[in-house]
Amino acid sequence: MSYVTTLIDTHTHLDGFEARGETEAALARARAAGVEAMITIGTGSDDWTIYRGLAERYPGEVFYTVGLHPCSVQANWAEEVAQIEGFWGGAGARPVALGECGLDHFHLPKEEPAREELKAWQRGAFAAQLEIAKRAGCPLVIHSRAAFAECVAMIDASGVDWSRVVLHCFSEGAAEMGELVRRGAYGSFTGVVTYKNAESARDAMRGQGLARLMIETDAPYLTPVPHRGKPNEPAYLRLTAEYAATVLGVSYAELAETTTRTARAFFGI
């Protein structure tokens, strides 16, 4: 059997490359590594129009999302969220998903009442974005850190179609993955799976199985071995893919074809 051996980076952040004038060079390295397309993920209003511009400049290669990251949530979160829906009805390239949005309890301030205040803002922003995703019927990219159970509960309560949901940078264990699989959602995996101490993430990847697997860089973060400690980039997706293939006991070619097919179906690209 012959396979298409190109990859899709389902979660990257290209704003830093763009600010440094390095986007074309980064894309060229990605192409050379077999990365045929990528999705650059919105985190706040300061990057949404940048990413729409990149999607228009590189049609069919760069796609984008619009969302308010929980670590970008501030007191004005409602004003930010109010701008999101317009990207689906306005001029120019349309987003392929809403996100990343969710909850992050890892980076909360330690002091009260600031901690509880920010948690409340995050919950409000997440709930509002879940409602937008429900209306739009679009895929949803979730950021969940130290907040898995609450994220799941809020998505359950929202009525969002779980089959349109992906938890990016999945770093929980097999039990949590079981909760996603039972609901019909997806987990996407980063270079974390190449780290020596990340056996729980590898267990979760095995638990989900190849048929539903998506892979990502989350560049410039979470660089895979052997470049860990250096800035990440879409070209390094191949390293994660090669490692994931060995963990799952399949050929690189089969993993590339399956993950690419899944990503294209999920994001409609």
Protein backbone atom coordinates (compact mmCIF):
# COMPACT_ATOMS: atom_id res chain seq x y z
CA MET A 1 0.00 0.00 0.00
CA SER A 2 1.28 3.49 -0.85
CA TYR A 3 0.73 6.40 1.50
CA VAL A 4 0.74 10.17 1.30
CA THR A 5 3.58 10.99 3.70
CA THR A 6 2.99 14.69 4.31
CA LEU A 7 1.87 16.12 7.65
CA ILE A 8 -0.42 18.84 9.00
CA ASP A 9 0.62 20.87 12.03
CA THR A 10 -2.76 21.32 13.68
CA HIS A 11 -1.61 23.88 16.25
CA THR A 12 1.15 26.43 15.83
CA HIS A 13 1.69 30.14 16.53
CA LEU A 14 3.23 32.07 13.65
CA ASP A 15 3.03 35.61 15.04
CA GLY A 16 6.62 35.57 16.29
CA PHE A 17 7.93 34.41 12.91
CA GLU A 18 5.89 37.12 11.20
CA ALA A 19 7.13 39.85 13.57
CA ARG A 20 10.75 38.88 12.82
CA GLY A 21 10.18 38.62 9.07
CA GLU A 22 10.90 34.87 9.22
CA THR A 23 7.57 33.42 8.08
CA GLU A 24 8.63 32.44 4.56
CA ALA A 25 11.84 30.81 5.82
CA ALA A 26 9.93 28.85 8.47
CA LEU A 27 7.38 27.68 5.91
CA ALA A 28 10.15 26.64 3.52
CA ARG A 29 11.75 24.52 6.25
CA ALA A 30 8.37 23.00 7.03
CA ARG A 31 7.78 22.11 3.39
CA ALA A 32 11.21 20.49 3.21
CA ALA A 33 10.30 18.39 6.28
CA GLY A 34 7.07 17.22 4.67
CA VAL A 35 4.64 19.55 6.47
CA GLU A 36 2.09 20.41 3.81
CA ALA A 37 -0.17 22.67 5.86
CA MET A 38 -0.53 24.21 9.30
CA ILE A 39 -3.13 25.92 11.46
CA THR A 40 -1.97 29.04 13.26
CA ILE A 41 -3.97 29.45 16.44
CA GLY A 42 -5.51 32.67 17.68
CA THR A 43 -4.98 33.69 21.29
CA GLY A 44 -6.25 37.28 21.38
CA SER A 45 -7.30 40.22 19.21
CA ASP A 46 -3.67 41.22 18.68
CA ASP A 47 -3.02 38.16 16.50
CA TRP A 48 -6.36 37.44 14.79
CA THR A 49 -5.94 39.84 11.87
CA ILE A 50 -2.28 38.86 11.49
CA TYR A 51 -3.33 35.25 11.07
CA ARG A 52 -6.13 36.08 8.65
CA GLY A 53 -3.55 37.89 6.56
CA LEU A 54 -1.24 34.87 6.60
CA ALA A 55 -4.09 32.57 5.53
CA GLU A 56 -4.76 34.90 2.60
CA ARG A 57 -1.07 35.11 1.70
CA TYR A 58 -0.55 31.32 1.82
CA PRO A 59 -3.89 29.83 0.71
CA GLY A 60 -4.14 26.10 1.18
CA GLU A 61 -0.98 26.05 3.30
CA VAL A 62 -1.74 28.29 6.29
CA PHE A 63 -5.13 28.19 7.98
CA TYR A 64 -6.11 30.04 11.14
CA THR A 65 -8.39 30.14 14.14
CA VAL A 66 -9.80 32.94 16.29
CA GLY A 67 -10.14 32.61 20.04
CA LEU A 68 -9.28 34.14 23.40
CA HIS A 69 -6.70 32.04 25.25
CA PRO A 70 -7.39 31.74 28.99
CA CYS A 71 -3.97 33.26 29.72
CA SER A 72 -4.99 36.26 27.59
CA VAL A 73 -8.20 36.81 29.55
CA GLN A 74 -8.36 40.16 31.36
CA ALA A 75 -11.09 42.37 32.76
CA ASN A 76 -12.10 43.39 29.22
CA TRP A 77 -12.64 39.80 28.09
CA ALA A 78 -16.22 40.45 27.00
CA GLU A 79 -15.05 43.14 24.55
CA GLU A 80 -12.51 40.74 23.09
CA VAL A 81 -14.95 37.86 22.76
CA ALA A 82 -17.53 40.13 21.12
CA GLN A 83 -15.21 40.52 18.12
CA ILE A 84 -14.83 36.80 17.43
CA GLU A 85 -18.04 35.99 15.61
CA GLY A 86 -17.45 38.71 13.01
CA PHE A 87 -14.53 36.77 11.56
CA TRP A 88 -16.98 34.18 10.22
CA GLY A 89 -19.15 36.75 8.48
CA GLY A 90 -16.66 39.39 7.44
CA ALA A 91 -14.47 39.82 4.40
CA GLY A 92 -11.35 37.75 3.87
CA ALA A 93 -10.36 34.24 4.79
CA ARG A 94 -12.60 32.62 7.37
CA PRO A 95 -11.29 30.79 10.44
CA VAL A 96 -11.32 26.99 10.40
CA ALA A 97 -12.10 26.76 14.12
CA LEU A 98 -12.76 28.76 17.27
CA GLY A 99 -9.93 28.71 19.76
CA GLU A 100 -7.84 28.33 21.55
CA CYS A 101 -10.09 28.85 24.51
CA GLY A 102 -10.61 27.09 27.81
CA LEU A 103 -9.27 27.20 31.34
CA ASP A 104 -5.73 27.48 32.72
CA HIS A 105 -5.42 27.10 36.49
CA PHE A 106 -1.66 26.51 36.33
CA HIS A 107 -0.76 30.13 35.63
CA LEU A 108 -3.18 31.75 38.07
CA PRO A 109 -1.82 34.21 40.64
CA LYS A 110 -1.27 32.69 44.06
CA GLU A 111 -2.79 35.60 45.97
CA GLU A 112 -6.47 36.09 46.72
CA PRO A 113 -8.72 37.72 45.65
CA ALA A 114 -6.86 38.07 42.34
CA ARG A 115 -6.82 34.29 41.87
CA GLU A 116 -10.58 33.83 42.17
CA GLU A 117 -11.25 36.93 40.11
CA LEU A 118 -9.18 35.63 37.19
CA LYS A 119 -10.76 32.18 37.46
CA ALA A 120 -14.18 33.83 37.17
CA TRP A 121 -13.06 35.82 34.12
CA GLN A 122 -11.73 32.66 32.50
CA ARG A 123 -14.99 30.82 33.11
CA GLY A 124 -16.99 33.72 31.67
CA ALA A 125 -14.82 33.99 28.57
CA PHE A 126 -14.89 30.24 28.01
CA ALA A 127 -18.67 29.99 28.41
CA ALA A 128 -19.18 32.86 25.96
CA GLN A 129 -16.91 31.22 23.37
CA LEU A 130 -18.66 27.88 23.78
CA GLU A 131 -21.91 29.63 22.91
CA ILE A 132 -20.35 31.18 19.79
CA ALA A 133 -18.99 27.79 18.70
CA LYS A 134 -22.41 26.23 19.24
CA ARG A 135 -24.06 28.88 17.05
CA ALA A 136 -21.39 28.66 14.37
CA GLY A 137 -21.24 24.86 14.40
CA CYS A 138 -17.49 25.13 14.00
CA PRO A 139 -14.62 23.04 15.35
CA LEU A 140 -13.38 24.05 18.79
CA VAL A 141 -9.75 24.06 19.98
CA ILE A 142 -9.48 23.73 23.75
CA HIS A 143 -6.64 24.75 26.05
CA SER A 144 -6.91 22.95 29.39
CA ARG A 145 -4.16 23.09 31.99
CA ALA A 146 -4.72 21.93 35.56
CA ALA A 147 -8.44 22.25 34.82
CA PHE A 148 -9.47 19.12 32.91
CA ALA A 149 -12.55 18.19 34.95
CA GLU A 150 -13.93 21.73 34.93
CA CYS A 151 -13.30 22.13 31.20
CA VAL A 152 -15.15 18.89 30.48
CA ALA A 153 -18.03 19.90 32.73
CA MET A 154 -18.40 23.27 31.00
CA ILE A 155 -18.34 21.71 27.53
CA ASP A 156 -20.89 19.12 28.66
CA ALA A 157 -23.16 21.87 29.98
CA SER A 158 -22.82 23.99 26.84
CA GLY A 159 -24.37 21.46 24.49
CA VAL A 160 -21.48 21.82 22.03
CA ASP A 161 -21.07 18.81 19.74
CA TRP A 162 -18.16 16.91 21.28
CA SER A 163 -17.18 15.46 17.90
CA ARG A 164 -16.11 18.99 16.91
CA VAL A 165 -13.83 19.37 19.97
CA VAL A 166 -10.06 18.84 20.20
CA LEU A 167 -8.05 19.26 23.39
CA HIS A 168 -4.71 20.50 22.14
CA CYS A 169 -1.37 19.57 23.72
CA PHE A 170 -3.00 16.66 25.47
CA SER A 171 -0.86 15.90 28.50
CA GLU A 172 -3.34 14.19 30.80
CA GLY A 173 -3.34 10.41 31.23
CA ALA A 174 -5.18 7.43 29.81
CA ALA A 175 -8.17 7.84 32.14
CA GLU A 176 -8.79 11.41 30.98
CA MET A 177 -8.36 10.34 27.37
CA GLY A 178 -11.02 7.73 28.01
CA GLU A 179 -13.41 10.54 28.98
CA LEU A 180 -12.74 12.27 25.65
CA VAL A 181 -13.06 9.11 23.59
CA ARG A 182 -16.35 8.26 25.30
CA ARG A 183 -17.69 11.68 24.33
CA GLY A 184 -16.37 11.51 20.77
CA ALA A 185 -13.74 14.27 21.14
CA TYR A 186 -10.11 14.31 20.07
CA GLY A 187 -6.75 14.82 21.72
CA SER A 188 -3.84 16.37 19.86
CA PHE A 189 -0.25 15.65 20.86
CA THR A 190 2.92 17.74 20.83
CA GLY A 191 6.63 17.15 21.20
CA VAL A 192 5.92 16.41 24.87
CA VAL A 193 5.44 12.76 23.86
CA THR A 194 9.17 12.62 23.05
CA TYR A 195 10.16 13.61 26.60
CA LYS A 196 11.53 10.92 28.87
CA ASN A 197 9.15 11.71 31.75
CA ALA A 198 5.97 11.87 29.61
CA GLU A 199 4.82 8.26 29.83
CA SER A 200 1.31 9.32 30.84
CA ALA A 201 0.96 11.33 27.63
CA ARG A 202 2.21 8.36 25.61
CA ASP A 203 -0.31 6.12 27.41
CA ALA A 204 -3.05 8.58 26.47
CA MET A 205 -1.92 8.58 22.84
CA ARG A 206 -2.03 4.79 22.77
CA GLY A 207 -5.46 4.91 24.41
CA GLN A 208 -6.84 7.19 21.72
CA GLY A 209 -5.25 5.16 18.94
CA LEU A 210 -3.99 6.08 15.51
CA ALA A 211 -7.39 6.42 13.84
CA ARG A 212 -8.25 9.60 15.82
CA LEU A 213 -4.75 11.01 16.31
CA MET A 214 -3.79 14.60 15.51
CA ILE A 215 -0.31 16.02 16.02
CA GLU A 216 0.98 19.55 16.49
CA THR A 217 4.03 21.58 17.39
CA ASP A 218 2.49 24.37 19.50
CA ALA A 219 5.50 26.27 18.16
CA PRO A 220 7.45 28.11 19.44
CA TYR A 221 6.83 26.01 22.58
CA LEU A 222 7.28 22.33 23.53
CA THR A 223 10.10 21.53 21.13
CA PRO A 224 10.59 17.79 20.60
CA VAL A 225 13.76 15.87 21.37
CA PRO A 226 16.54 16.29 20.20
CA HIS A 227 15.95 20.07 19.98
CA ARG A 228 14.26 20.41 23.38
CA GLY A 229 15.24 23.70 25.00
CA LYS A 230 15.38 25.55 21.67
CA PRO A 231 12.50 27.41 19.98
CA ASN A 232 10.07 25.12 18.21
CA GLU A 233 8.87 25.49 14.62
CA PRO A 234 6.50 23.67 12.26
CA ALA A 235 9.34 21.76 10.56
CA TYR A 236 9.93 19.88 13.83
CA LEU A 237 6.51 18.25 13.54
CA ARG A 238 8.22 15.48 11.63
CA LEU A 239 10.26 14.56 14.73
CA THR A 240 7.11 14.18 16.80
CA ALA A 241 5.45 12.19 14.04
CA GLU A 242 8.37 9.79 13.71
CA TYR A 243 8.47 9.25 17.46
CA ALA A 244 4.69 8.80 17.69
CA ALA A 245 4.85 6.15 14.98
CA THR A 246 7.30 4.10 17.05
CA VAL A 247 5.12 4.46 20.17
CA LEU A 248 2.06 3.27 18.26
CA GLY A 249 3.93 0.52 16.44
CA VAL A 250 3.09 1.72 12.93
CA SER A 251 5.11 3.00 10.00
CA TYR A 252 5.81 6.68 9.63
CA ALA A 253 3.97 6.63 6.30
CA GLU A 254 0.82 5.19 7.86
CA LEU A 255 0.89 7.69 10.70
CA ALA A 256 1.41 10.62 8.30
CA GLU A 257 -1.46 9.59 6.05
CA THR A 258 -3.87 8.88 8.92
CA THR A 259 -3.18 12.03 10.93
CA THR A 260 -3.38 14.19 7.80
CA ARG A 261 -6.72 12.67 6.83
CA THR A 262 -8.07 13.16 10.35
CA ALA A 263 -6.91 16.77 10.52
CA ARG A 264 -8.43 17.62 7.14
CA ALA A 265 -11.75 16.04 8.09
CA PHE A 266 -11.89 17.66 11.53
CA PHE A 267 -11.02 21.20 10.38
CA GLY A 268 -12.70 20.96 6.98
CA ILE A 269 -9.56 21.93 5.07
